[in-house]
């Protein structure tokens, strides 16, 4: 898979998370877990 990246100083990344069964509420019913995970990741490997 090829991801295009613009190597611009001060640029940012955007990502989307999907699940195969779009009728499920897994992503929104457990959003707190996702937020905690991203916060922990950012404390270990700071986003620039």
PDB file of N, CA and C in Angstrom:
ATOM      1  N   UNK A   1       0.850  -1.172   0.000  1.00  0.00           N
ATOM      2  CA  UNK A   1       0.000   0.000   0.000  1.00  0.00           C
ATOM      3  C   UNK A   1       0.898   1.238   0.000  1.00  0.00           C
ATOM      4  N   UNK A   2       0.542   2.224  -0.754  1.00  0.00           N
ATOM      5  CA  UNK A   2       1.323   3.444  -0.886  1.00  0.00           C
ATOM      6  C   UNK A   2       0.584   4.599  -0.218  1.00  0.00           C
ATOM      7  N   UNK A   3       1.274   5.267   0.681  1.00  0.00           N
ATOM      8  CA  UNK A   3       0.734   6.453   1.319  1.00  0.00           C
ATOM      9  C   UNK A   3       1.530   7.655   0.842  1.00  0.00           C
ATOM     10  N   UNK A   4       0.846   8.662   0.398  1.00  0.00           N
ATOM     11  CA  UNK A   4       1.512   9.865  -0.078  1.00  0.00           C
ATOM     12  C   UNK A   4       1.786  10.768   1.120  1.00  0.00           C
ATOM     13  N   UNK A   5       2.987  11.280   1.206  1.00  0.00           N
ATOM     14  CA  UNK A   5       3.378  12.145   2.310  1.00  0.00           C
ATOM     15  C   UNK A   5       3.976  13.428   1.763  1.00  0.00           C
ATOM     16  N   UNK A   6       3.490  14.522   2.241  1.00  0.00           N
ATOM     17  CA  UNK A   6       4.092  15.811   1.919  1.00  0.00           C
ATOM     18  C   UNK A   6       5.067  16.138   3.037  1.00  0.00           C
ATOM     19  N   UNK A   7       6.329  16.234   2.704  1.00  0.00           N
ATOM     20  CA  UNK A   7       7.333  16.509   3.728  1.00  0.00           C
ATOM     21  C   UNK A   7       7.461  18.013   3.950  1.00  0.00           C
ATOM     22  N   UNK A   8       6.408  18.570   4.480  1.00  0.00           N
ATOM     23  CA  UNK A   8       6.349  20.000   4.749  1.00  0.00           C
ATOM     24  C   UNK A   8       6.655  20.253   6.221  1.00  0.00           C
ATOM     25  N   UNK A   9       7.538  21.183   6.529  1.00  0.00           N
ATOM     26  CA  UNK A   9       7.741  21.547   7.930  1.00  0.00           C
ATOM     27  C   UNK A   9       6.426  22.044   8.535  1.00  0.00           C
ATOM     28  N   UNK A  10       6.087  21.516   9.702  1.00  0.00           N
ATOM     29  CA  UNK A  10       4.854  21.925  10.371  1.00  0.00           C
ATOM     30  C   UNK A  10       3.619  21.228   9.846  1.00  0.00           C
ATOM     31  N   UNK A  11       3.785  20.273   8.924  1.00  0.00           N
ATOM     32  CA  UNK A  11       2.638  19.531   8.403  1.00  0.00           C
ATOM     33  C   UNK A  11       2.054  18.600   9.448  1.00  0.00           C
ATOM     34  N   UNK A  12       0.902  18.036   9.167  1.00  0.00           N
ATOM     35  CA  UNK A  12       0.275  17.121  10.121  1.00  0.00           C
ATOM     36  C   UNK A  12      -0.282  15.902   9.390  1.00  0.00           C
ATOM     37  N   UNK A  13      -0.592  14.879  10.157  1.00  0.00           N
ATOM     38  CA  UNK A  13      -1.167  13.650   9.623  1.00  0.00           C
ATOM     39  C   UNK A  13      -2.616  13.545  10.064  1.00  0.00           C
ATOM     40  N   UNK A  14      -3.400  12.882   9.263  1.00  0.00           N
ATOM     41  CA  UNK A  14      -4.797  12.629   9.578  1.00  0.00           C
ATOM     42  C   UNK A  14      -5.053  11.157   9.303  1.00  0.00           C
ATOM     43  N   UNK A  15      -5.763  10.491  10.179  1.00  0.00           N
ATOM     44  CA  UNK A  15      -6.083   9.098   9.920  1.00  0.00           C
ATOM     45  C   UNK A  15      -7.531   8.817  10.284  1.00  0.00           C
ATOM     46  N   UNK A  16      -8.081   7.814   9.671  1.00  0.00           N
ATOM     47  CA  UNK A  16      -9.456   7.402   9.895  1.00  0.00           C
ATOM     48  C   UNK A  16      -9.466   5.944  10.319  1.00  0.00           C
ATOM     49  N   UNK A  17     -10.313   5.620  11.280  1.00  0.00           N
ATOM     50  CA  UNK A  17     -10.457   4.243  11.737  1.00  0.00           C
ATOM     51  C   UNK A  17     -11.859   3.780  11.383  1.00  0.00           C
ATOM     52  N   UNK A  18     -11.941   2.617  10.744  1.00  0.00           N
ATOM     53  CA  UNK A  18     -13.229   2.023  10.379  1.00  0.00           C
ATOM     54  C   UNK A  18     -13.271   0.575  10.842  1.00  0.00           C
ATOM     55  N   UNK A  19     -14.467   0.044  10.985  1.00  0.00           N
ATOM     56  CA  UNK A  19     -14.622  -1.387  11.212  1.00  0.00           C
ATOM     57  C   UNK A  19     -15.467  -1.949  10.072  1.00  0.00           C
ATOM     58  N   UNK A  20     -15.306  -3.226   9.799  1.00  0.00           N
ATOM     59  CA  UNK A  20     -15.970  -3.845   8.650  1.00  0.00           C
ATOM     60  C   UNK A  20     -17.490  -3.803   8.785  1.00  0.00           C
ATOM     61  N   UNK A  21     -18.006  -4.083   9.973  1.00  0.00           N
ATOM     62  CA  UNK A  21     -19.457  -4.091  10.179  1.00  0.00           C
ATOM     63  C   UNK A  21     -19.878  -2.708  10.658  1.00  0.00           C
ATOM     64  N   UNK A  22     -20.359  -1.901   9.768  1.00  0.00           N
ATOM     65  CA  UNK A  22     -20.681  -0.502  10.097  1.00  0.00           C
ATOM     66  C   UNK A  22     -21.916  -0.343  10.972  1.00  0.00           C
ATOM     67  N   UNK A  23     -22.637  -1.437  11.210  1.00  0.00           N
ATOM     68  CA  UNK A  23     -23.788  -1.373  12.116  1.00  0.00           C
ATOM     69  C   UNK A  23     -23.370  -1.449  13.578  1.00  0.00           C
ATOM     70  N   UNK A  24     -22.144  -1.850  13.841  1.00  0.00           N
ATOM     71  CA  UNK A  24     -21.652  -1.967  15.218  1.00  0.00           C
ATOM     72  C   UNK A  24     -21.273  -0.587  15.754  1.00  0.00           C
ATOM     73  N   UNK A  25     -21.335  -0.430  17.062  1.00  0.00           N
ATOM     74  CA  UNK A  25     -21.007   0.851  17.698  1.00  0.00           C
ATOM     75  C   UNK A  25     -19.691   0.779  18.462  1.00  0.00           C
ATOM     76  N   UNK A  26     -18.862  -0.190  18.121  1.00  0.00           N
ATOM     77  CA  UNK A  26     -17.621  -0.425  18.850  1.00  0.00           C
ATOM     78  C   UNK A  26     -16.770   0.830  18.987  1.00  0.00           C
ATOM     79  N   UNK A  27     -16.592   1.562  17.915  1.00  0.00           N
ATOM     80  CA  UNK A  27     -15.695   2.724  17.953  1.00  0.00           C
ATOM     81  C   UNK A  27     -16.241   3.862  18.811  1.00  0.00           C
ATOM     82  N   UNK A  28     -17.527   4.088  18.767  1.00  0.00           N
ATOM     83  CA  UNK A  28     -18.085   5.201  19.547  1.00  0.00           C
ATOM     84  C   UNK A  28     -18.421   4.803  20.970  1.00  0.00           C
ATOM     85  N   UNK A  29     -18.742   3.534  21.191  1.00  0.00           N
ATOM     86  CA  UNK A  29     -19.074   3.124  22.555  1.00  0.00           C
ATOM     87  C   UNK A  29     -17.832   2.968  23.424  1.00  0.00           C
ATOM     88  N   UNK A  30     -16.653   2.882  22.818  1.00  0.00           N
ATOM     89  CA  UNK A  30     -15.399   2.758  23.559  1.00  0.00           C
ATOM     90  C   UNK A  30     -14.419   3.878  23.193  1.00  0.00           C
ATOM     91  N   UNK A  31     -14.935   5.056  22.922  1.00  0.00           N
ATOM     92  CA  UNK A  31     -14.090   6.166  22.497  1.00  0.00           C
ATOM     93  C   UNK A  31     -13.096   6.569  23.579  1.00  0.00           C
ATOM     94  N   UNK A  32     -13.467   6.394  24.845  1.00  0.00           N
ATOM     95  CA  UNK A  32     -12.572   6.728  25.946  1.00  0.00           C
ATOM     96  C   UNK A  32     -11.284   5.924  25.894  1.00  0.00           C
ATOM     97  N   UNK A  33     -11.387   4.660  25.505  1.00  0.00           N
ATOM     98  CA  UNK A  33     -10.197   3.807  25.381  1.00  0.00           C
ATOM     99  C   UNK A  33      -9.276   4.330  24.286  1.00  0.00           C
ATOM    100  N   UNK A  34      -9.853   4.753  23.185  1.00  0.00           N
ATOM    101  CA  UNK A  34      -9.051   5.287  22.079  1.00  0.00           C
ATOM    102  C   UNK A  34      -8.335   6.570  22.491  1.00  0.00           C
ATOM    103  N   UNK A  35      -9.028   7.417  23.212  1.00  0.00           N
ATOM    104  CA  UNK A  35      -8.432   8.675  23.667  1.00  0.00           C
ATOM    105  C   UNK A  35      -7.280   8.400  24.628  1.00  0.00           C
ATOM    106  N   UNK A  36      -7.485   7.475  25.571  1.00  0.00           N
ATOM    107  CA  UNK A  36      -6.417   7.114  26.514  1.00  0.00           C
ATOM    108  C   UNK A  36      -5.214   6.535  25.788  1.00  0.00           C
ATOM    109  N   UNK A  37      -5.475   5.686  24.796  1.00  0.00           N
ATOM    110  CA  UNK A  37      -4.392   5.080  24.029  1.00  0.00           C
ATOM    111  C   UNK A  37      -3.572   6.138  23.297  1.00  0.00           C
ATOM    112  N   UNK A  38      -4.234   7.072  22.647  1.00  0.00           N
ATOM    113  CA  UNK A  38      -3.519   8.132  21.928  1.00  0.00           C
ATOM    114  C   UNK A  38      -2.750   9.035  22.886  1.00  0.00           C
ATOM    115  N   UNK A  39      -3.323   9.317  24.054  1.00  0.00           N
ATOM    116  CA  UNK A  39      -2.616  10.125  25.047  1.00  0.00           C
ATOM    117  C   UNK A  39      -1.355   9.416  25.536  1.00  0.00           C
ATOM    118  N   UNK A  40      -1.475   8.109  25.793  1.00  0.00           N
ATOM    119  CA  UNK A  40      -0.316   7.346  26.253  1.00  0.00           C
ATOM    120  C   UNK A  40       0.758   7.285  25.165  1.00  0.00           C
ATOM    121  N   UNK A  41       0.335   7.047  23.949  1.00  0.00           N
ATOM    122  CA  UNK A  41       1.277   7.007  22.833  1.00  0.00           C
ATOM    123  C   UNK A  41       1.990   8.339  22.678  1.00  0.00           C
ATOM    124  N   UNK A  42       1.257   9.427  22.794  1.00  0.00           N
ATOM    125  CA  UNK A  42       1.844  10.756  22.663  1.00  0.00           C
ATOM    126  C   UNK A  42       2.823  11.056  23.786  1.00  0.00           C
ATOM    127  N   UNK A  43       2.610  10.479  24.970  1.00  0.00           N
ATOM    128  CA  UNK A  43       3.551  10.710  26.071  1.00  0.00           C
ATOM    129  C   UNK A  43       4.845   9.918  25.870  1.00  0.00           C
ATOM    130  N   UNK A  44       4.753   8.771  25.186  1.00  0.00           N
ATOM    131  CA  UNK A  44       5.937   7.948  24.931  1.00  0.00           C
ATOM    132  C   UNK A  44       6.669   8.416  23.675  1.00  0.00           C
ATOM    133  N   UNK A  45       5.916   8.643  22.620  1.00  0.00           N
ATOM    134  CA  UNK A  45       6.467   9.108  21.342  1.00  0.00           C
ATOM    135  C   UNK A  45       5.705  10.386  20.970  1.00  0.00           C
ATOM    136  N   UNK A  46       6.211  11.540  21.378  1.00  0.00           N
ATOM    137  CA  UNK A  46       5.472  12.780  21.144  1.00  0.00           C
ATOM    138  C   UNK A  46       5.187  13.041  19.663  1.00  0.00           C
ATOM    139  N   UNK A  47       3.975  13.459  19.413  1.00  0.00           N
ATOM    140  CA  UNK A  47       3.606  13.853  18.059  1.00  0.00           C
ATOM    141  C   UNK A  47       4.266  15.190  17.790  1.00  0.00           C
ATOM    142  N   UNK A  48       4.788  15.339  16.602  1.00  0.00           N
ATOM    143  CA  UNK A  48       5.469  16.590  16.248  1.00  0.00           C
ATOM    144  C   UNK A  48       4.583  17.459  15.400  1.00  0.00           C
TER     145      UNK A  48
END
